[in-house]
Amino acid sequence: MSVVRSVARSFQLAGYFLKYGTELLVRRPQTREARADWLHRFAAAALRGLNIEITTRGSFPRRGALISNHLSYLDIVVYAALHPCVFVSKAEVATYPILGWMTKMAGTVFVARGHGGSALKARDGLEAVFRADLPVVFFPEGTTSNGEGMLKFHSGLLAQVRAVGAEVKAAHICYRIGEGNGAATVGNDVCYWGNAVLVPHIFKLLGLRGIHAEVEFAESAIEFSTTPEDRKRSALEAWVAVAELSCVQSGSEAVHHR
């Protein structure tokens, strides 16, 4: 990790926040489609500018829900850069300085985790996104991990998505880093989990060379064997659908995004 690179990229990232934040403040997009497009352009420009590459296999769904494993705050930027979409996030994010305002303006559906019926309360937001013909992205693990294995999937949001009849498609994300990064590892310096502190972690991540995200999308929607009311079974089948996917290997079917 290079401190000089971290500092330079920190200023560069601040520039993207200033540019796209100003656009958001001036234009104040009213529709969910316009907000999703803003987030898509912001994320794509930031990743290009920071030389973070993405390789994908399969296609991002144009509607319905996309579920994925969760490793880092970078996951959100990667998925947003690939396609206009709406995310589901914990309610605390809405209180963050600057970022909270930007996520609200991006059309994020917030869930007050740990409160009874929180997923049910999010149904109105989910239905509005589906009516706008936009895909919803959420991470059923509910938190991040170091990538060594997937955590148990929570069933609440998944049950609400199934209850409104939306299709659910699985995806899997992982990362690798290039040479010249010293003792840095994906598990500790790209994945954001455990007791890691956000700002120092971002600073270290910006100093890494050759960050590469790899995403694989399932070919078709998950075919659940049970009704939406059987939440535990649905969550287990969703977990298996994501776990069966793997990091993208080189080949003709892979698409590289720069």
C-alpha atoms as a PDB file:
ATOM      1  CA  MET A   1       0.000   0.000   0.000  1.00  0.00           C
ATOM      2  CA  SER A   2       1.433   3.345  -1.085  1.00  0.00           C
ATOM      3  CA  VAL A   3       0.697   6.347   1.136  1.00  0.00           C
ATOM      4  CA  VAL A   4       1.401   8.702  -1.762  1.00  0.00           C
ATOM      5  CA  ARG A   5      -1.090   6.801  -3.941  1.00  0.00           C
ATOM      6  CA  SER A   6      -3.632   6.820  -1.123  1.00  0.00           C
ATOM      7  CA  VAL A   7      -3.365  10.583  -0.722  1.00  0.00           C
ATOM      8  CA  ALA A   8      -3.549  11.250  -4.471  1.00  0.00           C
ATOM      9  CA  ARG A   9      -6.560   8.985  -4.927  1.00  0.00           C
ATOM     10  CA  SER A  10      -8.261  10.437  -1.846  1.00  0.00           C
ATOM     11  CA  PHE A  11      -8.198  13.865  -3.511  1.00  0.00           C
ATOM     12  CA  GLN A  12      -9.356  12.265  -6.749  1.00  0.00           C
ATOM     13  CA  LEU A  13     -12.273  10.546  -5.002  1.00  0.00           C
ATOM     14  CA  ALA A  14     -13.187  13.789  -3.240  1.00  0.00           C
ATOM     15  CA  GLY A  15     -13.341  15.396  -6.680  1.00  0.00           C
ATOM     16  CA  TYR A  16     -15.884  12.822  -7.863  1.00  0.00           C
ATOM     17  CA  PHE A  17     -17.999  13.397  -4.760  1.00  0.00           C
ATOM     18  CA  LEU A  18     -17.857  17.144  -5.379  1.00  0.00           C
ATOM     19  CA  LYS A  19     -18.762  16.834  -9.061  1.00  0.00           C
ATOM     20  CA  TYR A  20     -21.616  14.378  -8.743  1.00  0.00           C
ATOM     21  CA  GLY A  21     -22.804  15.762  -5.428  1.00  0.00           C
ATOM     22  CA  THR A  22     -23.105  19.195  -7.006  1.00  0.00           C
ATOM     23  CA  GLU A  23     -25.052  17.683  -9.907  1.00  0.00           C
ATOM     24  CA  LEU A  24     -27.383  16.033  -7.433  1.00  0.00           C
ATOM     25  CA  LEU A  25     -27.860  19.282  -5.506  1.00  0.00           C
ATOM     26  CA  VAL A  26     -28.567  21.327  -8.634  1.00  0.00           C
ATOM     27  CA  ARG A  27     -30.704  18.912 -10.627  1.00  0.00           C
ATOM     28  CA  ARG A  28     -32.408  17.077  -7.762  1.00  0.00           C
ATOM     29  CA  PRO A  29     -33.673  14.180  -9.911  1.00  0.00           C
ATOM     30  CA  GLN A  30     -37.278  13.382  -9.073  1.00  0.00           C
ATOM     31  CA  THR A  31     -37.838   9.947 -10.584  1.00  0.00           C
ATOM     32  CA  ARG A  32     -36.294   6.703  -9.393  1.00  0.00           C
ATOM     33  CA  GLU A  33     -35.015   6.089 -12.914  1.00  0.00           C
ATOM     34  CA  ALA A  34     -33.146   9.409 -12.953  1.00  0.00           C
ATOM     35  CA  ARG A  35     -31.697   8.788  -9.499  1.00  0.00           C
ATOM     36  CA  ALA A  36     -30.533   5.298 -10.421  1.00  0.00           C
ATOM     37  CA  ASP A  37     -28.931   6.693 -13.573  1.00  0.00           C
ATOM     38  CA  TRP A  38     -27.098   9.331 -11.506  1.00  0.00           C
ATOM     39  CA  LEU A  39     -25.698   6.688  -9.159  1.00  0.00           C
ATOM     40  CA  HIS A  40     -24.702   4.495 -12.108  1.00  0.00           C
ATOM     41  CA  ARG A  41     -22.747   7.303 -13.771  1.00  0.00           C
ATOM     42  CA  PHE A  42     -21.128   8.344 -10.483  1.00  0.00           C
ATOM     43  CA  ALA A  43     -19.982   4.809  -9.636  1.00  0.00           C
ATOM     44  CA  ALA A  44     -18.753   4.024 -13.152  1.00  0.00           C
ATOM     45  CA  ALA A  45     -16.743   7.254 -13.374  1.00  0.00           C
ATOM     46  CA  ALA A  46     -15.182   6.737  -9.937  1.00  0.00           C
ATOM     47  CA  LEU A  47     -14.065   3.169 -10.689  1.00  0.00           C
ATOM     48  CA  ARG A  48     -12.613   4.186 -14.054  1.00  0.00           C
ATOM     49  CA  GLY A  49     -10.758   7.082 -12.502  1.00  0.00           C
ATOM     50  CA  LEU A  50      -9.367   4.944  -9.698  1.00  0.00           C
ATOM     51  CA  ASN A  51      -8.358   2.165 -12.137  1.00  0.00           C
ATOM     52  CA  ILE A  52     -10.537  -0.452 -10.447  1.00  0.00           C
ATOM     53  CA  GLU A  53     -11.463  -3.033 -13.081  1.00  0.00           C
ATOM     54  CA  ILE A  54     -14.498  -5.315 -13.219  1.00  0.00           C
ATOM     55  CA  THR A  55     -14.896  -8.648 -14.975  1.00  0.00           C
ATOM     56  CA  THR A  56     -18.363 -10.134 -15.315  1.00  0.00           C
ATOM     57  CA  ARG A  57     -19.934 -13.324 -16.534  1.00  0.00           C
ATOM     58  CA  GLY A  58     -23.645 -13.412 -17.220  1.00  0.00           C
ATOM     59  CA  SER A  59     -26.009 -10.450 -17.262  1.00  0.00           C
ATOM     60  CA  PHE A  60     -27.355  -8.010 -14.718  1.00  0.00           C
ATOM     61  CA  PRO A  61     -31.153  -8.406 -14.440  1.00  0.00           C
ATOM     62  CA  ARG A  62     -33.163  -5.543 -15.894  1.00  0.00           C
ATOM     63  CA  ARG A  63     -35.899  -5.913 -13.300  1.00  0.00           C
ATOM     64  CA  GLY A  64     -36.749  -7.905 -10.185  1.00  0.00           C
ATOM     65  CA  ALA A  65     -34.256  -8.493  -7.378  1.00  0.00           C
ATOM     66  CA  LEU A  66     -30.560  -9.332  -7.383  1.00  0.00           C
ATOM     67  CA  ILE A  67     -29.043 -10.945  -4.296  1.00  0.00           C
ATOM     68  CA  SER A  68     -25.328 -11.306  -3.645  1.00  0.00           C
ATOM     69  CA  ASN A  69     -22.753 -12.189  -1.035  1.00  0.00           C
ATOM     70  CA  HIS A  70     -21.350  -9.127   0.722  1.00  0.00           C
ATOM     71  CA  LEU A  71     -17.662  -8.361   1.257  1.00  0.00           C
ATOM     72  CA  SER A  72     -17.185  -4.604   1.266  1.00  0.00           C
ATOM     73  CA  TYR A  73     -18.698  -1.165   0.742  1.00  0.00           C
ATOM     74  CA  LEU A  74     -16.993  -1.518  -2.648  1.00  0.00           C
ATOM     75  CA  ASP A  75     -19.640  -4.115  -3.618  1.00  0.00           C
ATOM     76  CA  ILE A  76     -22.242  -1.359  -3.866  1.00  0.00           C
ATOM     77  CA  VAL A  77     -20.043   0.767  -6.118  1.00  0.00           C
ATOM     78  CA  VAL A  78     -19.303  -2.207  -8.384  1.00  0.00           C
ATOM     79  CA  TYR A  79     -22.941  -3.224  -8.857  1.00  0.00           C
ATOM     80  CA  ALA A  80     -24.028   0.393  -9.351  1.00  0.00           C
ATOM     81  CA  ALA A  81     -21.312   0.877 -11.977  1.00  0.00           C
ATOM     82  CA  LEU A  82     -22.556  -2.117 -13.948  1.00  0.00           C
ATOM     83  CA  HIS A  83     -26.211  -1.121 -14.285  1.00  0.00           C
ATOM     84  CA  PRO A  84     -28.701   1.458 -12.960  1.00  0.00           C
ATOM     85  CA  CYS A  85     -30.307  -0.090  -9.886  1.00  0.00           C
ATOM     86  CA  VAL A  86     -31.635   0.617  -6.401  1.00  0.00           C
ATOM     87  CA  PHE A  87     -30.087  -0.719  -3.210  1.00  0.00           C
ATOM     88  CA  VAL A  88     -31.564  -1.761   0.106  1.00  0.00           C
ATOM     89  CA  SER A  89     -29.520  -0.428   3.034  1.00  0.00           C
ATOM     90  CA  LYS A  90     -29.644  -0.295   6.812  1.00  0.00           C
ATOM     91  CA  ALA A  91     -31.410   2.818   8.084  1.00  0.00           C
ATOM     92  CA  GLU A  92     -28.315   4.122   9.912  1.00  0.00           C
ATOM     93  CA  VAL A  93     -26.700   4.993   6.575  1.00  0.00           C
ATOM     94  CA  ALA A  94     -29.303   7.706   6.056  1.00  0.00           C
ATOM     95  CA  THR A  95     -27.852   9.578   9.068  1.00  0.00           C
ATOM     96  CA  TYR A  96     -24.263   9.645   7.766  1.00  0.00           C
ATOM     97  CA  PRO A  97     -22.934  13.121   6.842  1.00  0.00           C
ATOM     98  CA  ILE A  98     -23.000  13.751   3.056  1.00  0.00           C
ATOM     99  CA  LEU A  99     -23.166  10.029   2.234  1.00  0.00           C
ATOM    100  CA  GLY A 100     -26.550   9.714   3.929  1.00  0.00           C
ATOM    101  CA  TRP A 101     -28.012  12.547   1.873  1.00  0.00           C
ATOM    102  CA  MET A 102     -26.542  11.141  -1.340  1.00  0.00           C
ATOM    103  CA  THR A 103     -27.879   7.641  -0.682  1.00  0.00           C
ATOM    104  CA  LYS A 104     -31.360   9.021   0.038  1.00  0.00           C
ATOM    105  CA  MET A 105     -31.260  11.069  -3.153  1.00  0.00           C
ATOM    106  CA  ALA A 106     -30.151   7.940  -5.043  1.00  0.00           C
ATOM    107  CA  GLY A 107     -33.471   6.321  -4.129  1.00  0.00           C
ATOM    108  CA  THR A 108     -32.146   3.788  -1.604  1.00  0.00           C
ATOM    109  CA  VAL A 109     -34.752   1.730   0.271  1.00  0.00           C
ATOM    110  CA  PHE A 110     -33.853   1.834   3.962  1.00  0.00           C
ATOM    111  CA  VAL A 111     -34.539  -0.916   6.488  1.00  0.00           C
ATOM    112  CA  ALA A 112     -34.381  -0.443  10.266  1.00  0.00           C
ATOM    113  CA  ARG A 113     -32.721  -3.736  11.096  1.00  0.00           C
ATOM    114  CA  GLY A 114     -33.382  -5.161  14.518  1.00  0.00           C
ATOM    115  CA  HIS A 115     -36.871  -3.634  14.629  1.00  0.00           C
ATOM    116  CA  GLY A 116     -39.892  -5.874  14.373  1.00  0.00           C
ATOM    117  CA  GLY A 117     -41.539  -5.824  10.979  1.00  0.00           C
ATOM    118  CA  SER A 118     -38.758  -3.748   9.390  1.00  0.00           C
ATOM    119  CA  ALA A 119     -38.712  -5.817   6.207  1.00  0.00           C
ATOM    120  CA  LEU A 120     -42.498  -5.578   5.915  1.00  0.00           C
ATOM    121  CA  LYS A 121     -42.278  -1.787   6.237  1.00  0.00           C
ATOM    122  CA  ALA A 122     -39.803  -1.744   3.349  1.00  0.00           C
ATOM    123  CA  ARG A 123     -42.324  -3.429   1.035  1.00  0.00           C
ATOM    124  CA  ASP A 124     -43.812  -0.143  -0.183  1.00  0.00           C
ATOM    125  CA  GLY A 125     -40.366   1.042  -1.249  1.00  0.00           C
ATOM    126  CA  LEU A 126     -39.606  -2.232  -2.973  1.00  0.00           C
ATOM    127  CA  GLU A 127     -42.911  -2.221  -4.844  1.00  0.00           C
ATOM    128  CA  ALA A 128     -42.270   1.361  -6.023  1.00  0.00           C
ATOM    129  CA  VAL A 129     -38.889   0.325  -7.427  1.00  0.00           C
ATOM    130  CA  PHE A 130     -40.359  -2.697  -9.185  1.00  0.00           C
ATOM    131  CA  ARG A 131     -43.099  -0.505 -10.686  1.00  0.00           C
ATOM    132  CA  ALA A 132     -40.341   1.761 -12.043  1.00  0.00           C
ATOM    133  CA  ASP A 133     -38.941  -1.324 -13.798  1.00  0.00           C
ATOM    134  CA  LEU A 134     -35.623  -1.090 -11.978  1.00  0.00           C
ATOM    135  CA  PRO A 135     -33.709  -3.957 -10.343  1.00  0.00           C
ATOM    136  CA  VAL A 136     -33.308  -3.963  -6.562  1.00  0.00           C
ATOM    137  CA  VAL A 137     -29.969  -5.143  -5.156  1.00  0.00           C
ATOM    138  CA  PHE A 138     -29.597  -6.395  -1.592  1.00  0.00           C
ATOM    139  CA  PHE A 139     -27.276  -8.550   0.469  1.00  0.00           C
ATOM    140  CA  PRO A 140     -29.175 -11.170   2.510  1.00  0.00           C
ATOM    141  CA  GLU A 141     -26.210 -11.815   4.822  1.00  0.00           C
ATOM    142  CA  GLY A 142     -26.988  -8.444   6.350  1.00  0.00           C
ATOM    143  CA  THR A 143     -23.310  -7.709   6.969  1.00  0.00           C
ATOM    144  CA  THR A 144     -19.921  -8.209   5.366  1.00  0.00           C
ATOM    145  CA  SER A 145     -17.372 -11.003   5.699  1.00  0.00           C
ATOM    146  CA  ASN A 146     -13.758 -11.650   4.715  1.00  0.00           C
ATOM    147  CA  GLY A 147     -14.734 -13.854   1.782  1.00  0.00           C
ATOM    148  CA  GLU A 148     -13.676 -17.160   3.312  1.00  0.00           C
ATOM    149  CA  GLY A 149     -17.289 -18.289   3.459  1.00  0.00           C
ATOM    150  CA  MET A 150     -20.817 -16.943   3.283  1.00  0.00           C
ATOM    151  CA  LEU A 151     -22.866 -16.124   6.350  1.00  0.00           C
ATOM    152  CA  LYS A 152     -26.437 -17.224   6.946  1.00  0.00           C
ATOM    153  CA  PHE A 153     -29.014 -15.383   4.832  1.00  0.00           C
ATOM    154  CA  HIS A 154     -31.692 -13.352   6.613  1.00  0.00           C
ATOM    155  CA  SER A 155     -35.153 -14.099   5.288  1.00  0.00           C
ATOM    156  CA  GLY A 156     -37.160 -10.915   5.870  1.00  0.00           C
ATOM    157  CA  LEU A 157     -36.457  -8.899   2.718  1.00  0.00           C
ATOM    158  CA  LEU A 158     -36.384 -11.992   0.560  1.00  0.00           C
ATOM    159  CA  ALA A 159     -39.870 -12.900   1.804  1.00  0.00           C
ATOM    160  CA  GLN A 160     -41.174  -9.424   0.920  1.00  0.00           C
ATOM    161  CA  VAL A 161     -39.682  -9.610  -2.571  1.00  0.00           C
ATOM    162  CA  ARG A 162     -41.253 -13.003  -3.148  1.00  0.00           C
ATOM    163  CA  ALA A 163     -44.567 -11.840  -1.710  1.00  0.00           C
ATOM    164  CA  VAL A 164     -44.932  -9.176  -4.407  1.00  0.00           C
ATOM    165  CA  GLY A 165     -44.105 -11.703  -7.109  1.00  0.00           C
ATOM    166  CA  ALA A 166     -40.710 -10.336  -8.166  1.00  0.00           C
ATOM    167  CA  GLU A 167     -38.100 -12.664  -9.639  1.00  0.00           C
ATOM    168  CA  VAL A 168     -34.894 -13.164  -7.670  1.00  0.00           C
ATOM    169  CA  LYS A 169     -31.572 -13.651  -9.424  1.00  0.00           C
ATOM    170  CA  ALA A 170     -28.310 -14.633  -7.725  1.00  0.00           C
ATOM    171  CA  ALA A 171     -24.864 -13.096  -8.140  1.00  0.00           C
ATOM    172  CA  HIS A 172     -21.467 -13.662  -6.566  1.00  0.00           C
ATOM    173  CA  ILE A 173     -18.706 -11.082  -6.120  1.00  0.00           C
ATOM    174  CA  CYS A 174     -15.049 -11.478  -5.202  1.00  0.00           C
ATOM    175  CA  TYR A 175     -11.847  -9.473  -5.534  1.00  0.00           C
ATOM    176  CA  ARG A 176      -8.179  -9.845  -6.276  1.00  0.00           C
ATOM    177  CA  ILE A 177      -5.288  -7.402  -6.129  1.00  0.00           C
ATOM    178  CA  GLY A 178      -2.157  -7.071  -8.231  1.00  0.00           C
ATOM    179  CA  GLU A 179       1.482  -7.435  -7.306  1.00  0.00           C
ATOM    180  CA  GLY A 180       3.432  -4.795  -5.440  1.00  0.00           C
ATOM    181  CA  ASN A 181       1.040  -4.471  -2.492  1.00  0.00           C
ATOM    182  CA  GLY A 182       3.375  -5.752   0.192  1.00  0.00           C
ATOM    183  CA  ALA A 183       1.583  -7.632   2.962  1.00  0.00           C
ATOM    184  CA  ALA A 184      -1.866  -6.410   1.899  1.00  0.00           C
ATOM    185  CA  THR A 185      -4.529  -9.058   1.357  1.00  0.00           C
ATOM    186  CA  VAL A 186      -8.002  -9.090  -0.127  1.00  0.00           C
ATOM    187  CA  GLY A 187      -9.453 -10.419   3.128  1.00  0.00           C
ATOM    188  CA  ASN A 188      -8.115  -7.571   5.250  1.00  0.00           C
ATOM    189  CA  ASP A 189      -7.612  -4.644   2.885  1.00  0.00           C
ATOM    190  CA  VAL A 190     -10.437  -4.944   0.334  1.00  0.00           C
ATOM    191  CA  CYS A 191     -13.054  -6.778   2.368  1.00  0.00           C
ATOM    192  CA  TYR A 192     -14.476  -4.526   5.090  1.00  0.00           C
ATOM    193  CA  TRP A 193     -15.569  -6.570   8.064  1.00  0.00           C
ATOM    194  CA  GLY A 194     -15.142  -7.215  11.765  1.00  0.00           C
ATOM    195  CA  ASN A 195     -13.680  -4.299  13.698  1.00  0.00           C
ATOM    196  CA  ALA A 196     -12.353  -2.418  10.679  1.00  0.00           C
ATOM    197  CA  VAL A 197     -12.827   1.362  10.835  1.00  0.00           C
ATOM    198  CA  LEU A 198     -14.303   2.884   7.675  1.00  0.00           C
ATOM    199  CA  VAL A 199     -12.138   5.940   6.914  1.00  0.00           C
ATOM    200  CA  PRO A 200      -8.726   4.312   7.572  1.00  0.00           C
ATOM    201  CA  HIS A 201      -9.864   1.264   5.594  1.00  0.00           C
ATOM    202  CA  ILE A 202     -10.846   3.378   2.584  1.00  0.00           C
ATOM    203  CA  PHE A 203      -7.510   5.214   2.774  1.00  0.00           C
ATOM    204  CA  LYS A 204      -5.601   1.921   2.691  1.00  0.00           C
ATOM    205  CA  LEU A 205      -7.771   0.535  -0.111  1.00  0.00           C
ATOM    206  CA  LEU A 206      -7.091   3.582  -2.280  1.00  0.00           C
ATOM    207  CA  GLY A 207      -3.377   2.851  -2.028  1.00  0.00           C
ATOM    208  CA  LEU A 208      -3.648  -0.673  -3.413  1.00  0.00           C
ATOM    209  CA  ARG A 209      -2.462  -1.580  -6.903  1.00  0.00           C
ATOM    210  CA  GLY A 210      -4.551  -3.538  -9.368  1.00  0.00           C
ATOM    211  CA  ILE A 211      -7.889  -3.932  -7.583  1.00  0.00           C
ATOM    212  CA  HIS A 212     -10.062  -6.188  -9.719  1.00  0.00           C
ATOM    213  CA  ALA A 213     -13.668  -7.105  -8.970  1.00  0.00           C
ATOM    214  CA  GLU A 214     -15.099 -10.299 -10.424  1.00  0.00           C
ATOM    215  CA  VAL A 215     -18.858 -10.809 -10.619  1.00  0.00           C
ATOM    216  CA  GLU A 216     -20.784 -13.814 -11.840  1.00  0.00           C
ATOM    217  CA  PHE A 217     -24.533 -13.600 -12.471  1.00  0.00           C
ATOM    218  CA  ALA A 218     -26.754 -16.679 -12.532  1.00  0.00           C
ATOM    219  CA  GLU A 219     -28.171 -17.498 -15.939  1.00  0.00           C
ATOM    220  CA  SER A 220     -31.768 -17.488 -14.732  1.00  0.00           C
ATOM    221  CA  ALA A 221     -33.913 -16.541 -11.746  1.00  0.00           C
ATOM    222  CA  ILE A 222     -34.004 -18.785  -8.681  1.00  0.00           C
ATOM    223  CA  GLU A 223     -36.721 -21.440  -8.850  1.00  0.00           C
ATOM    224  CA  PHE A 224     -37.890 -21.706  -5.268  1.00  0.00           C
ATOM    225  CA  SER A 225     -39.444 -24.987  -4.238  1.00  0.00           C
ATOM    226  CA  THR A 226     -41.718 -23.502  -1.631  1.00  0.00           C
ATOM    227  CA  THR A 227     -44.146 -20.630  -1.036  1.00  0.00           C
ATOM    228  CA  PRO A 228     -43.030 -17.147   0.083  1.00  0.00           C
ATOM    229  CA  GLU A 229     -44.421 -17.889   3.539  1.00  0.00           C
ATOM    230  CA  ASP A 230     -41.751 -20.556   4.095  1.00  0.00           C
ATOM    231  CA  ARG A 231     -39.093 -17.961   4.795  1.00  0.00           C
ATOM    232  CA  LYS A 232     -36.384 -20.243   6.171  1.00  0.00           C
ATOM    233  CA  ARG A 233     -36.525 -22.591   3.193  1.00  0.00           C
ATOM    234  CA  SER A 234     -36.487 -19.678   0.750  1.00  0.00           C
ATOM    235  CA  ALA A 235     -33.443 -18.166   2.469  1.00  0.00           C
ATOM    236  CA  LEU A 236     -31.605 -21.490   2.361  1.00  0.00           C
ATOM    237  CA  GLU A 237     -32.330 -21.984  -1.335  1.00  0.00           C
ATOM    238  CA  ALA A 238     -31.196 -18.424  -2.051  1.00  0.00           C
ATOM    239  CA  TRP A 239     -27.967 -19.065  -0.109  1.00  0.00           C
ATOM    240  CA  VAL A 240     -27.278 -22.174  -2.209  1.00  0.00           C
ATOM    241  CA  ALA A 241     -27.962 -20.272  -5.446  1.00  0.00           C
ATOM    242  CA  VAL A 242     -25.331 -17.642  -4.571  1.00  0.00           C
ATOM    243  CA  ALA A 243     -22.848 -20.173  -3.178  1.00  0.00           C
ATOM    244  CA  GLU A 244     -22.956 -22.243  -6.363  1.00  0.00           C
ATOM    245  CA  LEU A 245     -21.562 -19.311  -8.330  1.00  0.00           C
ATOM    246  CA  SER A 246     -17.831 -18.694  -8.357  1.00  0.00           C
ATOM    247  CA  CYS A 247     -15.297 -16.037  -9.187  1.00  0.00           C
ATOM    248  CA  VAL A 248     -14.963 -15.381 -12.906  1.00  0.00           C
ATOM    249  CA  GLN A 249     -12.223 -17.245 -14.686  1.00  0.00           C
ATOM    250  CA  SER A 250     -10.643 -16.094 -17.931  1.00  0.00           C
ATOM    251  CA  GLY A 251     -12.576 -17.187 -20.997  1.00  0.00           C
ATOM    252  CA  SER A 252     -14.587 -16.028 -23.961  1.00  0.00           C
ATOM    253  CA  GLU A 253     -17.754 -15.551 -21.945  1.00  0.00           C
ATOM    254  CA  ALA A 254     -16.178 -13.071 -19.533  1.00  0.00           C
ATOM    255  CA  VAL A 255     -16.680  -9.348 -20.114  1.00  0.00           C
ATOM    256  CA  HIS A 256     -14.065  -6.867 -18.906  1.00  0.00           C
ATOM    257  CA  HIS A 257     -15.157  -3.398 -17.802  1.00  0.00           C
ATOM    258  CA  ARG A 258     -12.643  -0.572 -17.528  1.00  0.00           C
END
